[in-house]
Amino acid sequence: MEENREEVNVYPEDKEKAKKKKGVVKNEKKYGINAVLAFIAYIGIGCIAIALLLTVILKGNTKLSDAFNSVGEVIAYVICICLAFSWVKTHRKIAWIVCYVIFVVTIVVLFILNI
């Protein structure tokens, strides 16, 4: 007895489409550099908001608010430096690179001197 079976080649794309139809596909979250920077920015604005609240609440004692403010500023500076680097990387002219290096060194030196 011969069975009448048809061999069906199922490609991976077809399997994925079948799973999507059945609702079996899981939501896979991929975290890229943009998602990481966005989360760090979220933490930074939280620190700055806490610093501003503490400045209003504790009018005389600003040590704690200064600490939160410094953390928020550092996070903001780091995010700006990272995003500017990605922009400079796509615009490979020597003038952009030189200005970027001067800007970053100025920010780092002056921030350290003010702390």
N, C-alpha and C. Protein backbone atom coordinates (compact mmCIF):
# COMPACT_ATOMS: atom_id res chain seq x y z
N MET A 1 0.83 -1.18 0.00
CA MET A 1 0.00 0.00 0.00
C MET A 1 0.88 1.24 0.00
N GLU A 2 0.62 2.03 -0.95
CA GLU A 2 1.34 3.29 -1.02
C GLU A 2 0.47 4.37 -0.43
N GLU A 3 1.13 5.16 0.39
CA GLU A 3 0.41 6.31 0.94
C GLU A 3 0.55 7.47 0.00
N ASN A 4 -0.51 8.16 -0.17
CA ASN A 4 -0.46 9.35 -1.00
C ASN A 4 -0.09 10.54 -0.13
N ARG A 5 1.19 10.74 0.05
CA ARG A 5 1.66 11.88 0.83
C ARG A 5 2.38 12.84 -0.09
N GLU A 6 2.04 14.04 0.06
CA GLU A 6 2.76 15.05 -0.69
C GLU A 6 3.82 15.64 0.22
N GLU A 7 5.01 15.74 -0.31
CA GLU A 7 6.05 16.39 0.47
C GLU A 7 5.94 17.88 0.24
N VAL A 8 5.79 18.56 1.31
CA VAL A 8 5.64 20.01 1.23
C VAL A 8 6.88 20.63 1.85
N ASN A 9 7.54 21.43 1.08
CA ASN A 9 8.70 22.15 1.61
C ASN A 9 8.21 23.40 2.32
N VAL A 10 8.45 23.42 3.59
CA VAL A 10 8.04 24.58 4.36
C VAL A 10 9.29 25.38 4.69
N TYR A 11 9.32 26.56 4.19
CA TYR A 11 10.46 27.44 4.44
C TYR A 11 10.26 28.17 5.75
N PRO A 12 11.34 28.63 6.35
CA PRO A 12 11.21 29.34 7.63
C PRO A 12 10.25 30.52 7.57
N GLU A 13 10.20 31.21 6.42
CA GLU A 13 9.29 32.35 6.32
C GLU A 13 7.84 31.87 6.42
N ASP A 14 7.56 30.71 5.82
CA ASP A 14 6.21 30.17 5.87
C ASP A 14 5.83 29.77 7.29
N LYS A 15 6.79 29.23 8.01
CA LYS A 15 6.52 28.85 9.40
C LYS A 15 6.21 30.09 10.23
N GLU A 16 6.98 31.17 10.02
CA GLU A 16 6.74 32.40 10.77
C GLU A 16 5.36 32.97 10.45
N LYS A 17 4.98 32.93 9.18
CA LYS A 17 3.66 33.42 8.80
C LYS A 17 2.57 32.59 9.45
N ALA A 18 2.78 31.27 9.50
CA ALA A 18 1.79 30.40 10.12
C ALA A 18 1.68 30.68 11.61
N LYS A 19 2.82 30.91 12.26
CA LYS A 19 2.78 31.22 13.70
C LYS A 19 2.08 32.54 13.95
N LYS A 20 2.32 33.52 13.09
CA LYS A 20 1.68 34.82 13.27
C LYS A 20 0.17 34.69 13.13
N LYS A 21 -0.27 33.85 12.20
CA LYS A 21 -1.70 33.65 12.02
C LYS A 21 -2.32 33.02 13.25
N LYS A 22 -1.58 32.11 13.87
CA LYS A 22 -2.09 31.42 15.04
C LYS A 22 -1.91 32.25 16.31
N GLY A 23 -1.11 33.31 16.24
CA GLY A 23 -0.87 34.13 17.42
C GLY A 23 0.16 33.54 18.34
N VAL A 24 1.06 32.72 17.83
CA VAL A 24 2.04 32.04 18.66
C VAL A 24 3.32 32.85 18.82
N VAL A 25 3.57 33.79 17.92
CA VAL A 25 4.82 34.53 17.92
C VAL A 25 4.91 35.39 19.17
N LYS A 26 6.02 35.30 19.85
CA LYS A 26 6.25 36.09 21.05
C LYS A 26 6.77 37.46 20.66
N ASN A 27 6.49 38.42 21.49
CA ASN A 27 7.04 39.75 21.25
C ASN A 27 8.48 39.77 21.73
N GLU A 28 9.39 39.82 20.79
CA GLU A 28 10.81 39.86 21.14
C GLU A 28 11.26 41.31 21.14
N LYS A 29 11.74 41.76 22.27
CA LYS A 29 12.21 43.13 22.37
C LYS A 29 13.71 43.14 22.15
N LYS A 30 14.12 44.01 21.26
CA LYS A 30 15.53 44.17 21.00
C LYS A 30 15.95 45.54 21.50
N TYR A 31 16.97 45.56 22.31
CA TYR A 31 17.45 46.81 22.87
C TYR A 31 18.70 47.25 22.12
N GLY A 32 18.58 48.36 21.42
CA GLY A 32 19.70 48.91 20.70
C GLY A 32 20.30 50.07 21.49
N ILE A 33 21.24 50.73 20.87
CA ILE A 33 21.91 51.85 21.53
C ILE A 33 20.93 52.99 21.78
N ASN A 34 19.95 53.17 20.91
CA ASN A 34 18.97 54.24 21.12
C ASN A 34 18.10 53.97 22.34
N ALA A 35 17.73 52.72 22.54
CA ALA A 35 16.92 52.38 23.71
C ALA A 35 17.71 52.58 24.99
N VAL A 36 18.98 52.23 24.97
CA VAL A 36 19.83 52.40 26.16
C VAL A 36 20.00 53.88 26.46
N LEU A 37 20.30 54.68 25.44
CA LEU A 37 20.45 56.12 25.65
C LEU A 37 19.15 56.75 26.13
N ALA A 38 18.04 56.29 25.61
CA ALA A 38 16.75 56.83 26.04
C ALA A 38 16.49 56.51 27.51
N PHE A 39 16.84 55.31 27.95
CA PHE A 39 16.65 54.95 29.36
C PHE A 39 17.58 55.77 30.26
N ILE A 40 18.80 55.96 29.83
CA ILE A 40 19.75 56.77 30.61
C ILE A 40 19.26 58.22 30.68
N ALA A 41 18.71 58.72 29.58
CA ALA A 41 18.15 60.07 29.57
C ALA A 41 16.98 60.17 30.55
N TYR A 42 16.19 59.12 30.62
CA TYR A 42 15.06 59.08 31.57
C TYR A 42 15.57 59.19 33.00
N ILE A 43 16.61 58.47 33.31
CA ILE A 43 17.20 58.54 34.65
C ILE A 43 17.76 59.94 34.90
N GLY A 44 18.39 60.52 33.88
CA GLY A 44 18.96 61.86 34.02
C GLY A 44 17.92 62.91 34.32
N ILE A 45 16.80 62.89 33.59
CA ILE A 45 15.77 63.90 33.86
C ILE A 45 15.12 63.65 35.22
N GLY A 46 15.09 62.40 35.64
CA GLY A 46 14.59 62.10 37.00
C GLY A 46 15.48 62.72 38.05
N CYS A 47 16.78 62.60 37.87
CA CYS A 47 17.74 63.20 38.83
C CYS A 47 17.62 64.71 38.85
N ILE A 48 17.49 65.32 37.69
CA ILE A 48 17.36 66.78 37.64
C ILE A 48 16.05 67.23 38.28
N ALA A 49 14.97 66.48 38.05
CA ALA A 49 13.69 66.82 38.67
C ALA A 49 13.76 66.70 40.18
N ILE A 50 14.40 65.66 40.68
CA ILE A 50 14.56 65.49 42.13
C ILE A 50 15.41 66.62 42.69
N ALA A 51 16.46 67.00 41.98
CA ALA A 51 17.31 68.10 42.43
C ALA A 51 16.53 69.40 42.53
N LEU A 52 15.70 69.67 41.54
CA LEU A 52 14.91 70.90 41.58
C LEU A 52 13.88 70.87 42.71
N LEU A 53 13.27 69.70 42.92
CA LEU A 53 12.31 69.58 44.04
C LEU A 53 13.01 69.77 45.38
N LEU A 54 14.17 69.16 45.54
CA LEU A 54 14.89 69.30 46.80
C LEU A 54 15.36 70.74 47.03
N THR A 55 15.68 71.45 45.98
CA THR A 55 16.06 72.86 46.12
C THR A 55 14.89 73.68 46.63
N VAL A 56 13.68 73.38 46.14
CA VAL A 56 12.50 74.11 46.59
C VAL A 56 12.13 73.71 48.02
N ILE A 57 12.19 72.41 48.32
CA ILE A 57 11.77 71.92 49.64
C ILE A 57 12.78 72.30 50.72
N LEU A 58 14.04 72.05 50.47
CA LEU A 58 15.09 72.32 51.46
C LEU A 58 15.82 73.61 51.09
N LYS A 59 15.19 74.72 51.32
CA LYS A 59 15.74 76.00 50.88
C LYS A 59 17.13 76.27 51.45
N GLY A 60 17.40 75.86 52.65
CA GLY A 60 18.69 76.16 53.26
C GLY A 60 19.76 75.12 52.95
N ASN A 61 19.40 73.84 52.94
CA ASN A 61 20.37 72.76 52.76
C ASN A 61 20.30 72.25 51.33
N THR A 62 21.31 72.58 50.53
CA THR A 62 21.27 72.19 49.12
C THR A 62 22.31 71.14 48.77
N LYS A 63 22.95 70.53 49.75
CA LYS A 63 23.97 69.51 49.45
C LYS A 63 23.36 68.32 48.70
N LEU A 64 22.22 67.86 49.17
CA LEU A 64 21.57 66.71 48.54
C LEU A 64 21.08 67.05 47.13
N SER A 65 20.50 68.24 47.00
CA SER A 65 20.02 68.64 45.67
C SER A 65 21.19 68.88 44.72
N ASP A 66 22.32 69.36 45.24
CA ASP A 66 23.51 69.54 44.40
C ASP A 66 24.03 68.19 43.89
N ALA A 67 23.95 67.17 44.73
CA ALA A 67 24.40 65.84 44.31
C ALA A 67 23.52 65.30 43.18
N PHE A 68 22.20 65.40 43.34
CA PHE A 68 21.30 64.94 42.28
C PHE A 68 21.47 65.76 41.01
N ASN A 69 21.68 67.06 41.17
CA ASN A 69 21.88 67.93 40.02
C ASN A 69 23.15 67.54 39.27
N SER A 70 24.21 67.24 40.00
CA SER A 70 25.47 66.84 39.36
C SER A 70 25.31 65.53 38.59
N VAL A 71 24.61 64.58 39.18
CA VAL A 71 24.38 63.30 38.50
C VAL A 71 23.56 63.53 37.23
N GLY A 72 22.54 64.34 37.32
CA GLY A 72 21.72 64.64 36.15
C GLY A 72 22.50 65.34 35.05
N GLU A 73 23.37 66.27 35.45
CA GLU A 73 24.21 66.97 34.47
C GLU A 73 25.19 66.02 33.80
N VAL A 74 25.80 65.16 34.58
CA VAL A 74 26.75 64.20 33.99
C VAL A 74 26.05 63.31 32.98
N ILE A 75 24.87 62.82 33.34
CA ILE A 75 24.12 61.96 32.42
C ILE A 75 23.77 62.74 31.15
N ALA A 76 23.33 63.98 31.30
CA ALA A 76 22.99 64.80 30.13
C ALA A 76 24.21 65.03 29.25
N TYR A 77 25.34 65.32 29.87
CA TYR A 77 26.56 65.54 29.09
C TYR A 77 26.99 64.27 28.36
N VAL A 78 26.93 63.15 29.04
CA VAL A 78 27.35 61.89 28.43
C VAL A 78 26.45 61.54 27.24
N ILE A 79 25.16 61.72 27.39
CA ILE A 79 24.24 61.43 26.29
C ILE A 79 24.51 62.35 25.11
N CYS A 80 24.70 63.63 25.39
CA CYS A 80 25.00 64.57 24.30
C CYS A 80 26.30 64.22 23.61
N ILE A 81 27.31 63.85 24.38
CA ILE A 81 28.61 63.49 23.80
C ILE A 81 28.47 62.24 22.93
N CYS A 82 27.73 61.25 23.41
CA CYS A 82 27.54 60.01 22.63
C CYS A 82 26.77 60.27 21.34
N LEU A 83 25.70 61.04 21.42
CA LEU A 83 24.92 61.34 20.22
C LEU A 83 25.71 62.20 19.24
N ALA A 84 26.48 63.15 19.76
CA ALA A 84 27.30 63.97 18.87
C ALA A 84 28.38 63.12 18.21
N PHE A 85 28.91 62.14 18.93
CA PHE A 85 29.91 61.26 18.34
C PHE A 85 29.32 60.47 17.18
N SER A 86 28.10 59.97 17.35
CA SER A 86 27.49 59.22 16.26
C SER A 86 27.23 60.12 15.06
N TRP A 87 26.93 61.39 15.29
CA TRP A 87 26.75 62.32 14.18
C TRP A 87 28.08 62.60 13.49
N VAL A 88 29.12 62.84 14.29
CA VAL A 88 30.44 63.13 13.72
C VAL A 88 30.96 61.93 12.95
N LYS A 89 30.64 60.73 13.42
CA LYS A 89 31.08 59.52 12.74
C LYS A 89 30.49 59.42 11.33
N THR A 90 29.30 59.92 11.14
CA THR A 90 28.69 59.87 9.81
C THR A 90 29.15 61.03 8.92
N HIS A 91 29.65 62.09 9.51
CA HIS A 91 30.15 63.25 8.75
C HIS A 91 31.66 63.31 8.95
N ARG A 92 32.39 62.58 8.16
CA ARG A 92 33.82 62.38 8.37
C ARG A 92 34.69 63.50 7.81
N LYS A 93 34.38 64.71 8.12
CA LYS A 93 35.24 65.82 7.73
C LYS A 93 36.10 66.19 8.93
N ILE A 94 37.34 66.57 8.66
CA ILE A 94 38.29 66.82 9.74
C ILE A 94 37.85 67.98 10.62
N ALA A 95 37.19 68.97 10.05
CA ALA A 95 36.74 70.12 10.85
C ALA A 95 35.72 69.69 11.90
N TRP A 96 34.79 68.81 11.54
CA TRP A 96 33.79 68.33 12.50
C TRP A 96 34.46 67.55 13.64
N ILE A 97 35.43 66.73 13.27
CA ILE A 97 36.12 65.91 14.28
C ILE A 97 36.91 66.78 15.23
N VAL A 98 37.63 67.78 14.68
CA VAL A 98 38.44 68.67 15.53
C VAL A 98 37.54 69.46 16.47
N CYS A 99 36.44 70.00 15.95
CA CYS A 99 35.50 70.75 16.81
C CYS A 99 34.91 69.85 17.88
N TYR A 100 34.56 68.63 17.51
CA TYR A 100 34.00 67.69 18.48
C TYR A 100 34.98 67.43 19.62
N VAL A 101 36.22 67.17 19.28
CA VAL A 101 37.23 66.90 20.31
C VAL A 101 37.41 68.12 21.20
N ILE A 102 37.47 69.31 20.62
CA ILE A 102 37.62 70.53 21.42
C ILE A 102 36.42 70.71 22.34
N PHE A 103 35.22 70.50 21.82
CA PHE A 103 34.02 70.64 22.64
C PHE A 103 34.01 69.67 23.81
N VAL A 104 34.32 68.40 23.53
CA VAL A 104 34.29 67.38 24.57
C VAL A 104 35.34 67.66 25.64
N VAL A 105 36.54 68.01 25.22
CA VAL A 105 37.60 68.31 26.19
C VAL A 105 37.21 69.51 27.04
N THR A 106 36.64 70.54 26.42
CA THR A 106 36.20 71.72 27.17
C THR A 106 35.15 71.36 28.20
N ILE A 107 34.17 70.57 27.80
CA ILE A 107 33.11 70.18 28.73
C ILE A 107 33.68 69.39 29.90
N VAL A 108 34.51 68.41 29.59
CA VAL A 108 35.06 67.55 30.65
C VAL A 108 35.94 68.36 31.61
N VAL A 109 36.83 69.17 31.08
CA VAL A 109 37.75 69.93 31.94
C VAL A 109 36.98 70.93 32.80
N LEU A 110 36.09 71.70 32.18
CA LEU A 110 35.36 72.70 32.95
C LEU A 110 34.40 72.08 33.96
N PHE A 111 33.82 70.94 33.62
CA PHE A 111 32.94 70.28 34.59
C PHE A 111 33.73 69.78 35.79
N ILE A 112 34.90 69.20 35.52
CA ILE A 112 35.73 68.72 36.63
C ILE A 112 36.22 69.88 37.49
N LEU A 113 36.58 71.00 36.88
CA LEU A 113 37.05 72.14 37.64
C LEU A 113 35.95 72.75 38.50
N ASN A 114 34.71 72.67 38.05
CA ASN A 114 33.60 73.24 38.83
C ASN A 114 33.15 72.34 39.97
N ILE A 115 33.52 71.07 39.93
CA ILE A 115 33.11 70.18 41.03
C ILE A 115 34.04 70.38 42.15
